[in-house]
Amino acid sequence: MRVSKFKIAMRLVMFYCFAGGLYMTLELIYRQRTDWTMFYLAGFVGLILLGINEWLDYETDFILQVFICGSVALLAEFICGL
């Protein structure tokens, strides 16, 4: 069964919104403030991590996966924080 490009695009948009919304909600719970740009950053990082998850093999060491994904998130936060 072939999935249409529209469905794939909608899944990515929904994941983007979910990642951004989740990050903003958690930040509001813990810091009681957030910035609207964090929504976009979290969505972007979520899509990158989704791509890395698809790219890495299932047999890849979990600690290595955490290191790679954490480094990507940290680098994105650093670049946007400048």
C-alpha atoms as a PDB file:
ATOM      1  CA  MET A   1       0.000   0.000   0.000  1.00  0.00           C
ATOM      2  CA  ARG A   2       1.428   3.336  -1.071  1.00  0.00           C
ATOM      3  CA  VAL A   3       1.063   6.324   1.241  1.00  0.00           C
ATOM      4  CA  SER A   4       0.389   9.601  -0.531  1.00  0.00           C
ATOM      5  CA  LYS A   5       2.776  12.532  -0.253  1.00  0.00           C
ATOM      6  CA  PHE A   6      -0.011  14.559   1.328  1.00  0.00           C
ATOM      7  CA  LYS A   7      -0.385  12.035   4.165  1.00  0.00           C
ATOM      8  CA  ILE A   8       3.359  12.019   4.757  1.00  0.00           C
ATOM      9  CA  ALA A   9       3.435  15.826   4.812  1.00  0.00           C
ATOM     10  CA  MET A  10       0.500  15.950   7.231  1.00  0.00           C
ATOM     11  CA  ARG A  11       2.179  13.447   9.561  1.00  0.00           C
ATOM     12  CA  LEU A  12       5.321  15.572   9.603  1.00  0.00           C
ATOM     13  CA  VAL A  13       3.311  18.740  10.286  1.00  0.00           C
ATOM     14  CA  MET A  14       1.429  17.002  13.099  1.00  0.00           C
ATOM     15  CA  PHE A  15       4.677  15.704  14.604  1.00  0.00           C
ATOM     16  CA  TYR A  16       6.181  19.195  14.325  1.00  0.00           C
ATOM     17  CA  CYS A  17       3.222  20.704  16.168  1.00  0.00           C
ATOM     18  CA  PHE A  18       3.241  17.939  18.778  1.00  0.00           C
ATOM     19  CA  ALA A  19       6.966  18.366  19.517  1.00  0.00           C
ATOM     20  CA  GLY A  20       6.670  22.158  19.711  1.00  0.00           C
ATOM     21  CA  GLY A  21       3.546  22.063  21.846  1.00  0.00           C
ATOM     22  CA  LEU A  22       4.964  19.472  24.221  1.00  0.00           C
ATOM     23  CA  TYR A  23       8.153  21.461  24.723  1.00  0.00           C
ATOM     24  CA  MET A  24       6.234  24.677  25.384  1.00  0.00           C
ATOM     25  CA  THR A  25       3.892  22.918  27.822  1.00  0.00           C
ATOM     26  CA  LEU A  26       6.773  21.401  29.786  1.00  0.00           C
ATOM     27  CA  GLU A  27       8.599  24.703  29.866  1.00  0.00           C
ATOM     28  CA  LEU A  28       5.475  26.474  31.130  1.00  0.00           C
ATOM     29  CA  ILE A  29       5.031  23.868  33.860  1.00  0.00           C
ATOM     30  CA  TYR A  30       8.610  24.163  35.128  1.00  0.00           C
ATOM     31  CA  ARG A  31       9.561  27.790  34.385  1.00  0.00           C
ATOM     32  CA  GLN A  32       6.119  29.463  34.246  1.00  0.00           C
ATOM     33  CA  ARG A  33       7.230  31.316  31.095  1.00  0.00           C
ATOM     34  CA  THR A  34       8.265  30.518  27.547  1.00  0.00           C
ATOM     35  CA  ASP A  35       8.924  32.218  24.242  1.00  0.00           C
ATOM     36  CA  TRP A  36       7.013  31.528  21.034  1.00  0.00           C
ATOM     37  CA  THR A  37      10.275  30.840  19.191  1.00  0.00           C
ATOM     38  CA  MET A  38      10.787  27.744  21.344  1.00  0.00           C
ATOM     39  CA  PHE A  39       7.795  26.160  19.598  1.00  0.00           C
ATOM     40  CA  TYR A  40       9.542  26.452  16.240  1.00  0.00           C
ATOM     41  CA  LEU A  41      12.881  25.280  17.578  1.00  0.00           C
ATOM     42  CA  ALA A  42      11.373  22.246  19.300  1.00  0.00           C
ATOM     43  CA  GLY A  43       9.419  21.318  16.182  1.00  0.00           C
ATOM     44  CA  PHE A  44      12.532  21.610  14.031  1.00  0.00           C
ATOM     45  CA  VAL A  45      14.633  19.571  16.469  1.00  0.00           C
ATOM     46  CA  GLY A  46      11.852  16.977  16.675  1.00  0.00           C
ATOM     47  CA  LEU A  47      11.860  16.542  12.905  1.00  0.00           C
ATOM     48  CA  ILE A  48      15.651  16.204  12.864  1.00  0.00           C
ATOM     49  CA  LEU A  49      15.525  13.597  15.633  1.00  0.00           C
ATOM     50  CA  LEU A  50      12.771  11.751  13.772  1.00  0.00           C
ATOM     51  CA  GLY A  51      15.032  11.631  10.712  1.00  0.00           C
ATOM     52  CA  ILE A  52      17.990  10.428  12.781  1.00  0.00           C
ATOM     53  CA  ASN A  53      15.779   7.732  14.283  1.00  0.00           C
ATOM     54  CA  GLU A  54      14.868   6.527  10.792  1.00  0.00           C
ATOM     55  CA  TRP A  55      18.486   6.693   9.640  1.00  0.00           C
ATOM     56  CA  LEU A  56      20.057   4.750  12.537  1.00  0.00           C
ATOM     57  CA  ASP A  57      19.820   0.993  12.575  1.00  0.00           C
ATOM     58  CA  TYR A  58      17.833  -0.774  15.295  1.00  0.00           C
ATOM     59  CA  GLU A  59      21.045  -2.428  16.484  1.00  0.00           C
ATOM     60  CA  THR A  60      22.750   0.928  17.173  1.00  0.00           C
ATOM     61  CA  ASP A  61      23.756   1.260  20.810  1.00  0.00           C
ATOM     62  CA  PHE A  62      21.175   3.202  22.822  1.00  0.00           C
ATOM     63  CA  ILE A  63      23.785   5.358  24.560  1.00  0.00           C
ATOM     64  CA  LEU A  64      25.154   6.401  21.151  1.00  0.00           C
ATOM     65  CA  GLN A  65      21.644   7.316  19.991  1.00  0.00           C
ATOM     66  CA  VAL A  66      21.089   9.420  23.113  1.00  0.00           C
ATOM     67  CA  PHE A  67      24.456  11.143  22.611  1.00  0.00           C
ATOM     68  CA  ILE A  68      23.746  11.960  18.954  1.00  0.00           C
ATOM     69  CA  CYS A  69      20.219  13.244  19.585  1.00  0.00           C
ATOM     70  CA  GLY A  70      21.261  15.181  22.675  1.00  0.00           C
ATOM     71  CA  SER A  71      24.111  16.799  20.773  1.00  0.00           C
ATOM     72  CA  VAL A  72      21.764  17.873  17.974  1.00  0.00           C
ATOM     73  CA  ALA A  73      19.300  19.378  20.459  1.00  0.00           C
ATOM     74  CA  LEU A  74      22.070  21.125  22.396  1.00  0.00           C
ATOM     75  CA  LEU A  75      23.616  22.551  19.223  1.00  0.00           C
ATOM     76  CA  ALA A  76      20.244  23.845  18.011  1.00  0.00           C
ATOM     77  CA  GLU A  77      19.533  25.476  21.392  1.00  0.00           C
ATOM     78  CA  PHE A  78      23.003  27.066  21.364  1.00  0.00           C
ATOM     79  CA  ILE A  79      22.610  28.455  17.846  1.00  0.00           C
ATOM     80  CA  CYS A  80      19.172  29.892  18.570  1.00  0.00           C
ATOM     81  CA  GLY A  81      20.310  31.303  21.890  1.00  0.00           C
ATOM     82  CA  LEU A  82      23.041  33.457  20.369  1.00  0.00           C
END
